[in-house]
Structure formats: C-alpha cells, structure tokens
PDB file of N, CA and C in Angstrom:
ATOM      1  N   MET A   1     -15.263  -0.374   0.418  1.00  0.00           N
ATOM      2  CA  MET A   1     -15.167  -1.309  -0.607  1.00  0.00           C
ATOM      3  C   MET A   1     -15.867  -2.388  -0.617  1.00  0.00           C
ATOM      4  N   GLU A   2     -16.922  -2.319  -1.895  1.00  0.00           N
ATOM      5  CA  GLU A   2     -17.846  -3.235  -2.407  1.00  0.00           C
ATOM      6  C   GLU A   2     -16.749  -5.133  -2.905  1.00  0.00           C
ATOM      7  N   SER A   3     -17.370  -5.773  -2.572  1.00  0.00           N
ATOM      8  CA  SER A   3     -16.772  -7.271  -2.951  1.00  0.00           C
ATOM      9  C   SER A   3     -16.429  -6.970  -4.334  1.00  0.00           C
ATOM     10  N   VAL A   4     -17.536  -6.649  -4.866  1.00  0.00           N
ATOM     11  CA  VAL A   4     -17.866  -6.365  -6.402  1.00  0.00           C
ATOM     12  C   VAL A   4     -16.525  -5.720  -7.124  1.00  0.00           C
ATOM     13  N   ASP A   5     -16.255  -4.580  -6.307  1.00  0.00           N
ATOM     14  CA  ASP A   5     -15.079  -3.793  -6.776  1.00  0.00           C
ATOM     15  C   ASP A   5     -13.986  -4.278  -6.544  1.00  0.00           C
ATOM     16  N   ALA A   6     -13.692  -5.200  -5.593  1.00  0.00           N
ATOM     17  CA  ALA A   6     -12.470  -5.978  -5.211  1.00  0.00           C
ATOM     18  C   ALA A   6     -11.628  -6.815  -6.393  1.00  0.00           C
ATOM     19  N   GLU A   7     -12.976  -7.311  -6.431  1.00  0.00           N
ATOM     20  CA  GLU A   7     -12.943  -8.657  -7.572  1.00  0.00           C
ATOM     21  C   GLU A   7     -12.658  -7.664  -9.065  1.00  0.00           C
ATOM     22  N   ARG A   8     -12.895  -7.094  -9.315  1.00  0.00           N
ATOM     23  CA  ARG A   8     -13.076  -6.252 -10.746  1.00  0.00           C
ATOM     24  C   ARG A   8     -11.298  -6.132 -10.383  1.00  0.00           C
ATOM     25  N   ILE A   9     -10.872  -5.436  -9.381  1.00  0.00           N
ATOM     26  CA  ILE A   9      -9.843  -4.558  -9.290  1.00  0.00           C
ATOM     27  C   ILE A   9      -8.348  -5.790  -9.457  1.00  0.00           C
ATOM     28  N   LEU A  10      -9.040  -6.917  -8.986  1.00  0.00           N
ATOM     29  CA  LEU A  10      -7.574  -8.554  -8.783  1.00  0.00           C
ATOM     30  C   LEU A  10      -8.198  -8.700 -10.154  1.00  0.00           C
ATOM     31  N   GLY A  11      -8.774  -8.477 -11.056  1.00  0.00           N
ATOM     32  CA  GLY A  11      -9.118  -8.827 -12.470  1.00  0.00           C
ATOM     33  C   GLY A  11      -8.214  -8.253 -13.338  1.00  0.00           C
ATOM     34  N   LYS A  12      -8.657  -6.794 -13.535  1.00  0.00           N
ATOM     35  CA  LYS A  12      -7.560  -6.034 -13.897  1.00  0.00           C
ATOM     36  C   LYS A  12      -5.594  -5.808 -13.760  1.00  0.00           C
ATOM     37  N   MET A  13      -5.670  -6.356 -12.215  1.00  0.00           N
ATOM     38  CA  MET A  13      -4.089  -6.927 -11.525  1.00  0.00           C
ATOM     39  C   MET A  13      -3.993  -8.249 -12.555  1.00  0.00           C
ATOM     40  N   LYS A  14      -4.616  -8.904 -12.685  1.00  0.00           N
ATOM     41  CA  LYS A  14      -4.251 -10.312 -14.019  1.00  0.00           C
ATOM     42  C   LYS A  14      -4.032  -9.655 -15.135  1.00  0.00           C
ATOM     43  N   LEU A  15      -4.868  -8.967 -15.580  1.00  0.00           N
ATOM     44  CA  LEU A  15      -4.193  -8.505 -16.700  1.00  0.00           C
ATOM     45  C   LEU A  15      -3.134  -7.740 -16.833  1.00  0.00           C
ATOM     46  N   VAL A  16      -3.048  -6.691 -15.902  1.00  0.00           N
ATOM     47  CA  VAL A  16      -1.477  -6.049 -16.026  1.00  0.00           C
ATOM     48  C   VAL A  16      -0.008  -6.837 -15.802  1.00  0.00           C
ATOM     49  N   SER A  17      -0.458  -7.955 -15.173  1.00  0.00           N
ATOM     50  CA  SER A  17       0.459  -8.949 -15.220  1.00  0.00           C
ATOM     51  C   SER A  17       1.065  -9.575 -15.830  1.00  0.00           C
ATOM     52  N   LYS A  18       0.020  -9.631 -16.917  1.00  0.00           N
ATOM     53  CA  LYS A  18       0.352 -10.248 -18.733  1.00  0.00           C
ATOM     54  C   LYS A  18       1.025  -9.117 -19.736  1.00  0.00           C
ATOM     55  N   ASN A  19       0.486  -7.863 -18.992  1.00  0.00           N
ATOM     56  CA  ASN A  19       0.969  -6.811 -20.434  1.00  0.00           C
ATOM     57  C   ASN A  19       1.204  -5.114 -19.392  1.00  0.00           C
ATOM     58  N   PRO A  20       1.616  -5.193 -18.795  1.00  0.00           N
ATOM     59  CA  PRO A  20       1.196  -3.987 -17.432  1.00  0.00           C
ATOM     60  C   PRO A  20       1.411  -2.480 -18.612  1.00  0.00           C
ATOM     61  N   PHE A  21       2.156  -2.428 -19.557  1.00  0.00           N
ATOM     62  CA  PHE A  21       2.124  -1.489 -19.918  1.00  0.00           C
ATOM     63  C   PHE A  21       0.866  -0.835 -20.937  1.00  0.00           C
ATOM     64  N   HIS A  22       0.208  -2.088 -21.328  1.00  0.00           N
ATOM     65  CA  HIS A  22      -0.975  -1.383 -22.199  1.00  0.00           C
ATOM     66  C   HIS A  22      -2.069  -0.808 -21.250  1.00  0.00           C
ATOM     67  N   TYR A  23      -2.032  -1.587 -19.922  1.00  0.00           N
ATOM     68  CA  TYR A  23      -3.102  -0.774 -18.991  1.00  0.00           C
ATOM     69  C   TYR A  23      -2.854   0.401 -18.210  1.00  0.00           C
ATOM     70  N   ILE A  24      -1.711   0.732 -17.833  1.00  0.00           N
ATOM     71  CA  ILE A  24      -1.600   1.656 -17.026  1.00  0.00           C
ATOM     72  C   ILE A  24      -0.937   2.954 -17.537  1.00  0.00           C
ATOM     73  N   LYS A  25      -0.900   4.058 -16.896  1.00  0.00           N
ATOM     74  CA  LYS A  25      -0.408   5.278 -17.000  1.00  0.00           C
ATOM     75  C   LYS A  25       0.599   5.403 -15.738  1.00  0.00           C
ATOM     76  N   ARG A  26       1.849   5.860 -16.332  1.00  0.00           N
ATOM     77  CA  ARG A  26       2.963   6.797 -15.175  1.00  0.00           C
ATOM     78  C   ARG A  26       2.741   8.066 -14.303  1.00  0.00           C
ATOM     79  N   LEU A  27       2.637   8.051 -13.485  1.00  0.00           N
ATOM     80  CA  LEU A  27       2.246   9.630 -12.915  1.00  0.00           C
ATOM     81  C   LEU A  27       3.605  10.372 -13.177  1.00  0.00           C
ATOM     82  N   LYS A  28       3.127  11.572 -13.127  1.00  0.00           N
ATOM     83  CA  LYS A  28       4.034  12.420 -13.255  1.00  0.00           C
ATOM     84  C   LYS A  28       4.497  13.266 -11.821  1.00  0.00           C
ATOM     85  N   GLY A  29       5.787  13.513 -12.203  1.00  0.00           N
ATOM     86  CA  GLY A  29       6.791  13.772 -11.181  1.00  0.00           C
ATOM     87  C   GLY A  29       7.210  12.407 -10.197  1.00  0.00           C
ATOM     88  N   ILE A  30       6.850  11.794 -10.349  1.00  0.00           N
ATOM     89  CA  ILE A  30       7.203  10.047  -9.284  1.00  0.00           C
ATOM     90  C   ILE A  30       7.391   8.959 -10.420  1.00  0.00           C
ATOM     91  N   PRO A  31       8.042   8.277  -9.393  1.00  0.00           N
ATOM     92  CA  PRO A  31       8.084   6.926 -10.017  1.00  0.00           C
ATOM     93  C   PRO A  31       6.900   5.776  -9.914  1.00  0.00           C
ATOM     94  N   LEU A  32       6.000   6.219  -9.927  1.00  0.00           N
ATOM     95  CA  LEU A  32       4.584   5.257  -9.750  1.00  0.00           C
ATOM     96  C   LEU A  32       4.167   5.300 -11.598  1.00  0.00           C
ATOM     97  N   TYR A  33       3.233   3.852 -11.242  1.00  0.00           N
ATOM     98  CA  TYR A  33       1.925   3.982 -11.892  1.00  0.00           C
ATOM     99  C   TYR A  33       0.606   4.426 -11.520  1.00  0.00           C
ATOM    100  N   SER A  34      -0.188   4.006 -12.522  1.00  0.00           N
ATOM    101  CA  SER A  34      -1.931   4.151 -12.185  1.00  0.00           C
ATOM    102  C   SER A  34      -2.656   3.220 -12.930  1.00  0.00           C
ATOM    103  N   LEU A  35      -3.647   2.390 -12.313  1.00  0.00           N
ATOM    104  CA  LEU A  35      -4.703   1.699 -12.984  1.00  0.00           C
ATOM    105  C   LEU A  35      -5.717   2.261 -12.592  1.00  0.00           C
ATOM    106  N   ARG A  36      -6.329   2.558 -13.785  1.00  0.00           N
ATOM    107  CA  ARG A  36      -8.262   3.098 -13.591  1.00  0.00           C
ATOM    108  C   ARG A  36      -8.791   1.459 -13.208  1.00  0.00           C
ATOM    109  N   THR A  37      -9.956   1.566 -12.529  1.00  0.00           N
ATOM    110  CA  THR A  37     -10.563   0.859 -12.152  1.00  0.00           C
ATOM    111  C   THR A  37     -12.082   1.259 -11.594  1.00  0.00           C
ATOM    112  N   GLY A  38     -12.890   1.236 -12.361  1.00  0.00           N
ATOM    113  CA  GLY A  38     -14.306   2.398 -12.189  1.00  0.00           C
ATOM    114  C   GLY A  38     -13.605   3.421 -11.247  1.00  0.00           C
ATOM    115  N   ASN A  39     -14.329   3.591 -10.051  1.00  0.00           N
ATOM    116  CA  ASN A  39     -14.198   4.842  -8.903  1.00  0.00           C
ATOM    117  C   ASN A  39     -13.011   4.852  -8.595  1.00  0.00           C
ATOM    118  N   TYR A  40     -12.062   3.597  -8.753  1.00  0.00           N
ATOM    119  CA  TYR A  40     -11.055   3.078  -7.755  1.00  0.00           C
ATOM    120  C   TYR A  40      -9.959   3.131  -9.039  1.00  0.00           C
ATOM    121  N   ARG A  41      -8.590   3.638  -8.371  1.00  0.00           N
ATOM    122  CA  ARG A  41      -6.991   3.776  -8.405  1.00  0.00           C
ATOM    123  C   ARG A  41      -6.333   2.744  -7.617  1.00  0.00           C
ATOM    124  N   VAL A  42      -5.669   1.791  -8.726  1.00  0.00           N
ATOM    125  CA  VAL A  42      -4.762   1.306  -7.943  1.00  0.00           C
ATOM    126  C   VAL A  42      -2.620   1.695  -8.231  1.00  0.00           C
ATOM    127  N   ILE A  43      -2.266   2.507  -7.402  1.00  0.00           N
ATOM    128  CA  ILE A  43      -1.489   2.851  -7.707  1.00  0.00           C
ATOM    129  C   ILE A  43       0.191   1.690  -7.366  1.00  0.00           C
ATOM    130  N   MET A  44       0.749   1.570  -8.434  1.00  0.00           N
ATOM    131  CA  MET A  44       1.679   0.909  -8.172  1.00  0.00           C
ATOM    132  C   MET A  44       3.606   1.196  -8.630  1.00  0.00           C
ATOM    133  N   SER A  45       4.244   0.179  -8.190  1.00  0.00           N
ATOM    134  CA  SER A  45       5.489   0.123  -8.785  1.00  0.00           C
ATOM    135  C   SER A  45       6.382  -0.411  -9.517  1.00  0.00           C
ATOM    136  N   ILE A  46       6.882  -0.566 -10.698  1.00  0.00           N
ATOM    137  CA  ILE A  46       7.278  -1.546 -11.579  1.00  0.00           C
ATOM    138  C   ILE A  46       8.517  -1.617 -11.754  1.00  0.00           C
ATOM    139  N   GLU A  47       8.900  -3.027 -11.526  1.00  0.00           N
ATOM    140  CA  GLU A  47      10.309  -3.144 -11.944  1.00  0.00           C
ATOM    141  C   GLU A  47      10.372  -3.702 -13.098  1.00  0.00           C
ATOM    142  N   ARG A  48      11.246  -2.875 -14.302  1.00  0.00           N
ATOM    143  CA  ARG A  48      10.904  -3.334 -15.362  1.00  0.00           C
ATOM    144  C   ARG A  48      11.528  -4.757 -15.708  1.00  0.00           C
ATOM    145  N   GLU A  49      13.022  -4.760 -15.312  1.00  0.00           N
ATOM    146  CA  GLU A  49      14.209  -5.884 -15.687  1.00  0.00           C
ATOM    147  C   GLU A  49      13.335  -7.069 -15.183  1.00  0.00           C
ATOM    148  N   LYS A  50      12.659  -7.464 -13.930  1.00  0.00           N
ATOM    149  CA  LYS A  50      12.148  -8.508 -13.649  1.00  0.00           C
ATOM    150  C   LYS A  50      10.869  -8.527 -13.748  1.00  0.00           C
ATOM    151  N   LEU A  51      10.083  -7.667 -14.050  1.00  0.00           N
ATOM    152  CA  LEU A  51       8.606  -7.468 -14.176  1.00  0.00           C
ATOM    153  C   LEU A  51       8.138  -7.570 -12.847  1.00  0.00           C
ATOM    154  N   VAL A  52       8.416  -7.014 -11.897  1.00  0.00           N
ATOM    155  CA  VAL A  52       8.082  -7.009 -10.353  1.00  0.00           C
ATOM    156  C   VAL A  52       6.675  -6.036 -10.585  1.00  0.00           C
ATOM    157  N   ILE A  53       5.747  -6.092  -9.983  1.00  0.00           N
ATOM    158  CA  ILE A  53       4.728  -4.917  -9.559  1.00  0.00           C
ATOM    159  C   ILE A  53       4.194  -4.824  -8.818  1.00  0.00           C
ATOM    160  N   LEU A  54       4.877  -3.854  -7.489  1.00  0.00           N
ATOM    161  CA  LEU A  54       3.769  -3.842  -6.474  1.00  0.00           C
ATOM    162  C   LEU A  54       3.158  -2.860  -5.990  1.00  0.00           C
ATOM    163  N   VAL A  55       2.210  -3.184  -5.084  1.00  0.00           N
ATOM    164  CA  VAL A  55       0.841  -2.553  -5.319  1.00  0.00           C
ATOM    165  C   VAL A  55       0.936  -1.538  -4.156  1.00  0.00           C
ATOM    166  N   VAL A  56       1.515  -0.487  -4.112  1.00  0.00           N
ATOM    167  CA  VAL A  56       1.749   0.796  -3.143  1.00  0.00           C
ATOM    168  C   VAL A  56       0.204   1.523  -2.465  1.00  0.00           C
ATOM    169  N   GLU A  57      -0.804   1.451  -2.910  1.00  0.00           N
ATOM    170  CA  GLU A  57      -2.152   2.151  -2.832  1.00  0.00           C
ATOM    171  C   GLU A  57      -2.996   1.904  -3.943  1.00  0.00           C
ATOM    172  N   VAL A  58      -4.114   1.301  -3.143  1.00  0.00           N
ATOM    173  CA  VAL A  58      -5.213   1.034  -3.540  1.00  0.00           C
ATOM    174  C   VAL A  58      -6.781   2.098  -3.408  1.00  0.00           C
ATOM    175  N   GLY A  59      -7.359   2.655  -3.460  1.00  0.00           N
ATOM    176  CA  GLY A  59      -8.311   3.821  -3.153  1.00  0.00           C
ATOM    177  C   GLY A  59      -9.337   4.297  -4.057  1.00  0.00           C
ATOM    178  N   ASN A  60      -9.948   5.248  -3.522  1.00  0.00           N
ATOM    179  CA  ASN A  60     -11.229   6.030  -4.212  1.00  0.00           C
ATOM    180  C   ASN A  60      -9.867   6.861  -5.445  1.00  0.00           C
ATOM    181  N   ARG A  61     -10.506   7.021  -5.938  1.00  0.00           N
ATOM    182  CA  ARG A  61      -9.805   8.283  -7.081  1.00  0.00           C
ATOM    183  C   ARG A  61      -9.869   9.463  -6.362  1.00  0.00           C
ATOM    184  N   LYS A  62     -10.906   9.947  -6.047  1.00  0.00           N
ATOM    185  CA  LYS A  62     -11.020  11.524  -5.356  1.00  0.00           C
ATOM    186  C   LYS A  62      -9.575  11.427  -4.137  1.00  0.00           C
ATOM    187  N   ASN A  63      -9.405  10.610  -3.762  1.00  0.00           N
ATOM    188  CA  ASN A  63      -8.381  11.031  -2.545  1.00  0.00           C
ATOM    189  C   ASN A  63      -7.115   9.806  -2.967  1.00  0.00           C
ATOM    190  N   VAL A  64      -6.742   9.247  -4.079  1.00  0.00           N
ATOM    191  CA  VAL A  64      -5.804   7.983  -3.405  1.00  0.00           C
ATOM    192  C   VAL A  64      -4.829   8.644  -3.527  1.00  0.00           C
ATOM    193  N   TYR A  65      -4.223   9.717  -4.420  1.00  0.00           N
ATOM    194  CA  TYR A  65      -3.188  10.212  -4.820  1.00  0.00           C
ATOM    195  C   TYR A  65      -2.682  11.373  -3.679  1.00  0.00           C
ATOM    196  N   ASP A  66      -3.460  11.754  -2.806  1.00  0.00           N
ATOM    197  CA  ASP A  66      -3.357  12.796  -2.076  1.00  0.00           C
ATOM    198  C   ASP A  66      -2.100  12.417  -1.231  1.00  0.00           C
ATOM    199  N   ASP A  67      -1.906  11.298  -0.886  1.00  0.00           N
ATOM    200  CA  ASP A  67      -0.748  10.924   0.533  1.00  0.00           C
ATOM    201  C   ASP A  67       0.699  10.915  -0.657  1.00  0.00           C
ATOM    202  N   LEU A  68       1.077  10.729  -1.857  1.00  0.00           N
ATOM    203  CA  LEU A  68       1.990  10.538  -2.652  1.00  0.00           C
ATOM    204  C   LEU A  68       2.889  11.263  -2.564  1.00  0.00           C
TER     205      LEU A  68
END
C-alpha cells in the first residue's frame, strides 16, 4: 500500500467518524460494513449505541472480502 493510499484511507475514516452511515454500506449476510476508498476497502464493525467503529480489515478490493 502506498503512503498516498494510506493518507486517503485515514482521511475517509475521519469523515466516517463524523457521519458513519453516509459513507459506508452494510455487507450482505454478515454484520459488517464496507467503506470504499479508491482500490481499497475498509471492512468495519460499528456499535451504534456508543458509536464505536472497529476496523476489521483493510485491503485491495480484489481480495479483501475473501476471508470474511
């Protein structure tokens, strides 16, 4: 992963922390969410009561979903 990609992901995560359900989509069949950032996806779990965001996986969109 390039440092530019990492900076882009961190920037998107800051936006998610302010308004999470505007930027993410729920994954079908499992209680996780996905955030698109270029060719990368951030897979996360969100606890709505306290707004806790737990990043489960960050990876290329081609194979990030394989191990879920």
